[in-house]
């Protein structure tokens, strides 16, 4: 089977956008790919974290992955820090990356322009190199990403080709895979920006549906979503961003097309349409939360992470051994 690898940081609370844009697709990929999925806790500490909150987020993320349908018999699910090869190869990637390449990374540029460089960590600056290591350790053919992460996969490809050109075919050069629908679910209160689990709760919580929101909270947020004055359920990401976002959410959750949703609600008012979206979201959250509570009570997530780490370590150590040999770093493992 072709191989795929992905990861999510355990920062903030998982959102409906995370489910639609990533986790739902992971369920599909695991049937067709040898899938390695990790919790990126090293990436989390590139900005300050409260240790207890981070531990809780790691636990919740593992349990929610399983509650959303990730099957540990098909997917190798593990914690990034349980496989030390990630950090080893991350430093090696630092040594093959040019300063100009990191200076062009838009995420760091955005954060430095917003907050100034003085308070930003070197770990945040070299984040793309660790991400490259996360990927290249497992020789994946594809990396599922949103548009905002595509630049990092392009750097990973450049680093793999640079290394291969110098030392021979050590790395598989991966392709970014961006799902055709639902890759970028937007905020319900501000459809100009992405629905994000790192949104400031005071400023953006009305626009974000969290997977652990109560049904009443989720329904209220859907019913209060920003739309427009046209009162026609029509998909147009340029002029009808809010209603188009809701159409996309419903299309994904009902496994149908945008055109089908448009036809179904062509003569409906926005209130009727929003109630249908809210019903679909509430059904999803109720199912996920029921399974999530069972997983927390049983300790299943901890057992799955332990087993996943053992498998990931076997694959990663073989790759790291080859890289050490290639570079002349005589390995003793």
Protein backbone atom coordinates (compact mmCIF):
# COMPACT_ATOMS: atom_id res chain seq x y z
CA UNK A 1 0.00 0.00 0.00
CA UNK A 2 1.18 3.57 -0.61
CA UNK A 3 2.06 5.35 2.62
CA UNK A 4 0.67 8.56 4.12
CA UNK A 5 1.66 10.55 7.22
CA UNK A 6 0.03 13.42 9.11
CA UNK A 7 -0.14 15.04 12.53
CA UNK A 8 -2.06 17.62 14.56
CA UNK A 9 -0.75 19.77 17.41
CA UNK A 10 -2.38 19.23 20.82
CA UNK A 11 -3.05 22.93 21.30
CA UNK A 12 -6.51 24.33 21.75
CA UNK A 13 -9.67 22.28 21.38
CA UNK A 14 -10.52 20.30 18.25
CA UNK A 15 -13.14 21.97 16.08
CA UNK A 16 -15.67 21.01 13.46
CA UNK A 17 -13.19 22.49 10.98
CA UNK A 18 -10.51 20.02 12.15
CA UNK A 19 -12.97 17.17 11.75
CA UNK A 20 -14.14 18.14 8.26
CA UNK A 21 -10.78 19.31 6.94
CA UNK A 22 -8.61 16.54 8.39
CA UNK A 23 -9.94 13.83 10.71
CA UNK A 24 -12.89 12.80 8.55
CA UNK A 25 -10.52 12.34 5.64
CA UNK A 26 -8.10 10.34 7.82
CA UNK A 27 -10.89 7.76 8.25
CA UNK A 28 -11.08 7.44 4.49
CA UNK A 29 -7.32 7.36 3.92
CA UNK A 30 -6.73 4.55 6.41
CA UNK A 31 -8.56 2.13 4.09
CA UNK A 32 -6.33 2.91 1.12
CA UNK A 33 -2.97 3.85 2.62
CA UNK A 34 -0.53 2.62 5.23
CA UNK A 35 -1.28 5.56 7.48
CA UNK A 36 0.99 7.01 10.21
CA UNK A 37 -0.78 9.60 12.36
CA UNK A 38 0.92 11.36 15.26
CA UNK A 39 0.15 13.92 17.95
CA UNK A 40 2.68 16.70 17.36
CA UNK A 41 3.49 17.63 20.96
CA UNK A 42 7.01 18.88 20.10
CA UNK A 43 5.48 21.40 17.72
CA UNK A 44 3.15 22.50 20.51
CA UNK A 45 5.99 23.82 22.70
CA UNK A 46 7.33 26.18 20.01
CA UNK A 47 5.07 28.66 21.85
CA UNK A 48 4.54 28.72 25.64
CA UNK A 49 2.21 26.01 26.99
CA UNK A 50 0.75 25.28 30.40
CA UNK A 51 2.00 21.73 31.20
CA UNK A 52 -1.26 20.49 32.73
CA UNK A 53 -3.31 21.89 29.87
CA UNK A 54 -0.94 20.30 27.35
CA UNK A 55 -1.28 16.89 29.03
CA UNK A 56 -5.06 17.24 28.96
CA UNK A 57 -5.05 18.27 25.30
CA UNK A 58 -2.89 15.26 24.38
CA UNK A 59 -5.30 12.93 26.17
CA UNK A 60 -8.33 14.55 24.56
CA UNK A 61 -6.79 14.53 21.08
CA UNK A 62 -5.95 10.83 21.25
CA UNK A 63 -9.42 9.97 22.55
CA UNK A 64 -11.14 12.16 19.95
CA UNK A 65 -9.13 10.64 17.10
CA UNK A 66 -10.47 7.25 18.12
CA UNK A 67 -13.98 8.58 18.77
CA UNK A 68 -14.04 10.08 15.27
CA UNK A 69 -13.30 6.74 13.66
CA UNK A 70 -9.53 6.34 13.53
CA UNK A 71 -8.98 2.56 13.63
CA UNK A 72 -5.75 1.49 15.38
CA UNK A 73 -5.84 -1.74 13.36
CA UNK A 74 -5.44 0.36 10.20
CA UNK A 75 -3.68 3.52 11.42
CA UNK A 76 -0.47 3.76 13.43
CA UNK A 77 -1.41 6.41 16.01
CA UNK A 78 1.36 7.65 18.29
CA UNK A 79 2.83 10.54 20.25
CA UNK A 80 5.66 12.43 18.54
CA UNK A 81 7.92 12.47 21.61
CA UNK A 82 7.62 8.68 21.96
CA UNK A 83 9.71 8.38 18.78
CA UNK A 84 12.98 10.23 19.45
CA UNK A 85 14.03 9.93 15.81
CA UNK A 86 11.77 12.91 15.04
CA UNK A 87 13.97 15.27 17.06
CA UNK A 88 17.18 13.63 15.75
CA UNK A 89 16.21 14.10 12.13
CA UNK A 90 14.79 17.56 12.88
CA UNK A 91 18.31 18.78 13.74
CA UNK A 92 19.76 17.13 10.65
CA UNK A 93 17.17 18.91 8.51
CA UNK A 94 18.27 22.19 10.11
CA UNK A 95 21.70 21.53 8.64
CA UNK A 96 20.31 21.16 5.12
CA UNK A 97 17.99 24.17 5.17
CA UNK A 98 19.02 27.66 4.07
CA UNK A 99 18.13 30.73 6.14
CA UNK A 100 16.41 32.28 3.16
CA UNK A 101 14.03 29.33 2.93
CA UNK A 102 12.95 29.67 6.56
CA UNK A 103 12.66 33.44 6.19
CA UNK A 104 10.09 32.88 3.45
CA UNK A 105 7.83 30.67 5.55
CA UNK A 106 4.56 32.57 5.80
CA UNK A 107 3.50 31.30 9.25
CA UNK A 108 6.64 32.66 10.93
CA UNK A 109 6.41 35.91 8.94
CA UNK A 110 2.79 36.38 9.96
CA UNK A 111 3.53 35.81 13.64
CA UNK A 112 6.60 38.07 13.62
CA UNK A 113 4.69 40.87 11.88
CA UNK A 114 1.83 40.54 14.37
CA UNK A 115 3.84 40.15 17.60
CA UNK A 116 7.41 41.18 16.72
CA UNK A 117 10.35 38.78 16.52
CA UNK A 118 11.71 39.41 20.01
CA UNK A 119 9.28 37.09 21.78
CA UNK A 120 9.35 34.30 19.17
CA UNK A 121 11.35 31.12 19.79
CA UNK A 122 13.97 29.56 17.54
CA UNK A 123 11.83 26.41 17.70
CA UNK A 124 9.01 28.28 15.96
CA UNK A 125 11.47 29.52 13.32
CA UNK A 126 12.75 26.00 12.59
CA UNK A 127 9.28 24.43 12.88
CA UNK A 128 9.27 23.58 9.13
CA UNK A 129 12.46 21.51 9.52
CA UNK A 130 10.94 19.41 12.28
CA UNK A 131 7.84 19.02 10.14
CA UNK A 132 10.05 17.83 7.29
CA UNK A 133 11.62 15.27 9.64
CA UNK A 134 8.17 14.13 10.78
CA UNK A 135 7.34 13.37 7.17
CA UNK A 136 10.59 12.03 5.74
CA UNK A 137 11.16 9.50 8.53
CA UNK A 138 8.32 7.39 7.17
CA UNK A 139 8.91 7.68 3.39
CA UNK A 140 5.29 8.63 2.67
CA UNK A 141 4.00 9.06 -0.85
CA UNK A 142 1.39 11.63 0.21
CA UNK A 143 0.91 14.20 2.99
CA UNK A 144 -2.66 15.46 3.55
CA UNK A 145 -2.55 19.17 4.34
CA UNK A 146 -4.62 22.32 4.20
CA UNK A 147 -3.64 25.17 1.91
CA UNK A 148 -1.92 26.94 4.83
CA UNK A 149 0.53 24.02 5.29
CA UNK A 150 1.26 23.31 1.63
CA UNK A 151 4.34 25.58 1.74
CA UNK A 152 5.88 23.39 4.45
CA UNK A 153 5.41 20.26 2.35
CA UNK A 154 7.06 22.04 -0.58
CA UNK A 155 10.07 22.75 1.64
CA UNK A 156 10.08 19.09 2.69
CA UNK A 157 10.20 18.08 -0.97
CA UNK A 158 13.08 20.49 -1.60
CA UNK A 159 15.05 19.10 1.35
CA UNK A 160 14.44 15.50 0.27
CA UNK A 161 15.63 16.24 -3.27
CA UNK A 162 18.64 18.21 -2.01
CA UNK A 163 19.68 15.31 0.23
CA UNK A 164 19.06 12.74 -2.53
CA UNK A 165 21.01 14.73 -5.10
CA UNK A 166 24.00 14.80 -2.79
CA UNK A 167 23.91 11.30 -1.29
CA UNK A 168 21.68 9.16 -3.51
CA UNK A 169 18.03 8.03 -3.14
CA UNK A 170 17.64 8.08 0.64
CA UNK A 171 14.25 9.81 0.90
CA UNK A 172 10.92 9.35 -0.85
CA UNK A 173 9.83 12.75 -2.19
CA UNK A 174 6.23 13.18 -0.94
CA UNK A 175 3.32 14.87 -2.66
CA UNK A 176 0.96 17.22 -0.81
CA UNK A 177 -2.66 16.07 -0.91
CA UNK A 178 -5.38 18.68 -0.45
CA UNK A 179 -8.93 17.30 -0.24
CA UNK A 180 -11.30 18.78 -2.86
CA UNK A 181 -14.07 19.66 -0.40
CA UNK A 182 -13.96 20.92 3.18
CA UNK A 183 -10.24 21.72 3.24
CA UNK A 184 -10.88 25.17 4.67
CA UNK A 185 -13.93 25.56 6.90
CA UNK A 186 -14.33 29.18 7.93
CA UNK A 187 -15.38 30.90 11.14
CA UNK A 188 -19.16 31.18 11.57
CA UNK A 189 -18.84 34.73 12.89
CA UNK A 190 -16.18 35.92 10.42
CA UNK A 191 -16.19 33.86 7.20
CA UNK A 192 -13.12 35.74 6.00
CA UNK A 193 -10.92 33.69 8.37
CA UNK A 194 -10.45 30.00 9.02
CA UNK A 195 -12.23 28.23 11.87
CA UNK A 196 -9.31 27.61 14.23
CA UNK A 197 -8.84 25.67 17.46
CA UNK A 198 -6.36 28.35 18.58
CA UNK A 199 -8.89 31.19 18.34
CA UNK A 200 -8.97 33.54 21.30
CA UNK A 201 -12.01 32.32 23.28
CA UNK A 202 -12.98 35.87 24.18
CA UNK A 203 -12.90 37.06 20.58
CA UNK A 204 -13.76 34.14 18.35
CA UNK A 205 -15.66 31.47 20.26
CA UNK A 206 -19.02 32.27 18.63
CA UNK A 207 -17.50 31.43 15.28
CA UNK A 208 -16.00 28.09 16.32
CA UNK A 209 -17.80 24.82 16.94
CA UNK A 210 -15.72 22.55 19.17
CA UNK A 211 -16.14 18.79 19.01
CA UNK A 212 -16.89 18.80 22.75
CA UNK A 213 -19.46 21.62 22.58
CA UNK A 214 -22.87 20.65 23.91
CA UNK A 215 -25.57 20.17 21.27
CA UNK A 216 -27.25 23.34 22.50
CA UNK A 217 -24.04 25.36 22.13
CA UNK A 218 -23.41 24.03 18.63
CA UNK A 219 -26.98 24.69 17.50
CA UNK A 220 -26.89 28.26 18.83
CA UNK A 221 -23.65 28.97 16.97
CA UNK A 222 -25.02 27.62 13.69
CA UNK A 223 -28.24 29.60 14.00
CA UNK A 224 -26.21 32.75 14.71
CA UNK A 225 -23.81 32.25 11.79
CA UNK A 226 -23.14 35.28 9.58
CA UNK A 227 -24.82 35.06 6.18
CA UNK A 228 -25.97 37.84 3.80
CA UNK A 229 -29.09 39.76 2.75
CA UNK A 230 -29.81 37.87 -0.50
CA UNK A 231 -31.80 35.11 1.27
CA UNK A 232 -30.96 32.53 -1.40
CA UNK A 233 -29.11 29.32 -0.52
CA UNK A 234 -26.49 29.57 -3.25
CA UNK A 235 -22.78 28.62 -3.24
CA UNK A 236 -20.39 31.46 -4.10
CA UNK A 237 -17.17 31.74 -2.10
CA UNK A 238 -16.56 35.29 -3.36
CA UNK A 239 -19.86 37.06 -2.69
CA UNK A 240 -21.64 34.67 -0.27
CA UNK A 241 -18.86 33.48 2.03
CA UNK A 242 -21.00 32.78 5.08
CA UNK A 243 -23.76 30.80 3.40
CA UNK A 244 -21.22 28.97 1.20
CA UNK A 245 -19.39 27.87 4.34
CA UNK A 246 -22.61 26.39 5.75
CA UNK A 247 -23.40 24.68 2.43
CA UNK A 248 -19.96 23.07 2.45
CA UNK A 249 -20.37 21.89 6.06
CA UNK A 250 -23.72 20.25 5.27
CA UNK A 251 -22.46 18.71 2.01
CA UNK A 252 -19.53 17.07 3.78
CA UNK A 253 -21.51 15.83 6.79
CA UNK A 254 -24.24 14.35 4.58
CA UNK A 255 -21.70 13.00 2.08
CA UNK A 256 -23.37 14.78 -0.81
CA UNK A 257 -22.49 17.52 -3.30
CA UNK A 258 -22.75 21.28 -3.09
CA UNK A 259 -25.11 21.19 -6.06
CA UNK A 260 -27.40 18.77 -4.25
CA UNK A 261 -27.58 21.04 -1.18
CA UNK A 262 -28.33 24.07 -3.38
CA UNK A 263 -31.14 22.23 -5.15
CA UNK A 264 -32.63 20.91 -1.90
CA UNK A 265 -32.81 24.34 -0.27
CA UNK A 266 -33.39 26.49 -3.37
CA UNK A 267 -36.75 27.74 -2.11
CA UNK A 268 -35.95 27.63 1.62
CA UNK A 269 -35.22 30.60 3.84
CA UNK A 270 -31.98 30.87 5.78
CA UNK A 271 -33.61 29.83 9.05
CA UNK A 272 -34.81 26.53 7.58
CA UNK A 273 -31.43 25.90 5.99
CA UNK A 274 -29.52 26.68 9.19
CA UNK A 275 -31.73 24.29 11.18
CA UNK A 276 -30.80 21.50 8.76
CA UNK A 277 -27.09 22.31 9.15
CA UNK A 278 -27.48 22.41 12.94
CA UNK A 279 -29.26 19.02 12.94
CA UNK A 280 -26.39 17.44 10.99
CA UNK A 281 -23.76 18.96 13.26
CA UNK A 282 -25.59 17.94 16.46
CA UNK A 283 -25.95 14.35 15.21
CA UNK A 284 -22.21 14.21 14.53
CA UNK A 285 -21.21 15.70 17.90
CA UNK A 286 -23.56 13.44 19.84
CA UNK A 287 -22.03 10.32 18.25
CA UNK A 288 -18.45 11.52 18.76
CA UNK A 289 -18.97 12.56 22.38
CA UNK A 290 -20.64 9.28 23.35
CA UNK A 291 -17.68 7.29 22.01
CA UNK A 292 -15.20 9.79 23.53
CA UNK A 293 -16.57 9.24 27.03
CA UNK A 294 -16.32 5.45 26.61
CA UNK A 295 -12.69 5.74 25.48
CA UNK A 296 -11.68 7.96 28.41
CA UNK A 297 -13.28 5.59 30.88
CA UNK A 298 -11.63 2.49 29.41
CA UNK A 299 -8.05 3.78 29.03
CA UNK A 300 -8.13 2.71 25.38
CA UNK A 301 -6.27 5.80 24.13
CA UNK A 302 -3.19 5.11 26.28
CA UNK A 303 -2.99 1.51 25.04
CA UNK A 304 -3.34 2.58 21.43
CA UNK A 305 -0.60 5.24 21.74
CA UNK A 306 1.78 2.74 23.34
CA UNK A 307 1.25 0.16 20.61
CA UNK A 308 1.50 2.83 17.89
CA UNK A 309 4.77 4.15 19.28
CA UNK A 310 6.35 0.69 19.11
CA UNK A 311 5.47 0.29 15.44
CA UNK A 312 6.50 3.85 14.54
CA UNK A 313 9.82 3.42 16.37
CA UNK A 314 10.65 0.34 14.33
CA UNK A 315 10.10 2.16 11.05
CA UNK A 316 11.75 5.41 12.14
CA UNK A 317 14.85 3.79 13.65
CA UNK A 318 15.59 1.89 10.42
CA UNK A 319 15.36 5.15 8.48
CA UNK A 320 17.45 7.10 10.98
CA UNK A 321 20.11 4.37 10.94
CA UNK A 322 20.35 4.70 7.14
CA UNK A 323 20.62 8.51 7.41
CA UNK A 324 23.37 8.29 10.04
CA UNK A 325 25.30 5.82 7.87
CA UNK A 326 24.85 8.04 4.82
CA UNK A 327 26.19 11.10 6.65
CA UNK A 328 29.09 9.28 8.28
CA UNK A 329 27.60 9.59 11.77
CA UNK A 330 28.53 6.06 12.87
CA UNK A 331 25.33 4.79 14.51
CA UNK A 332 25.36 2.64 17.63
CA UNK A 333 21.71 1.59 17.60
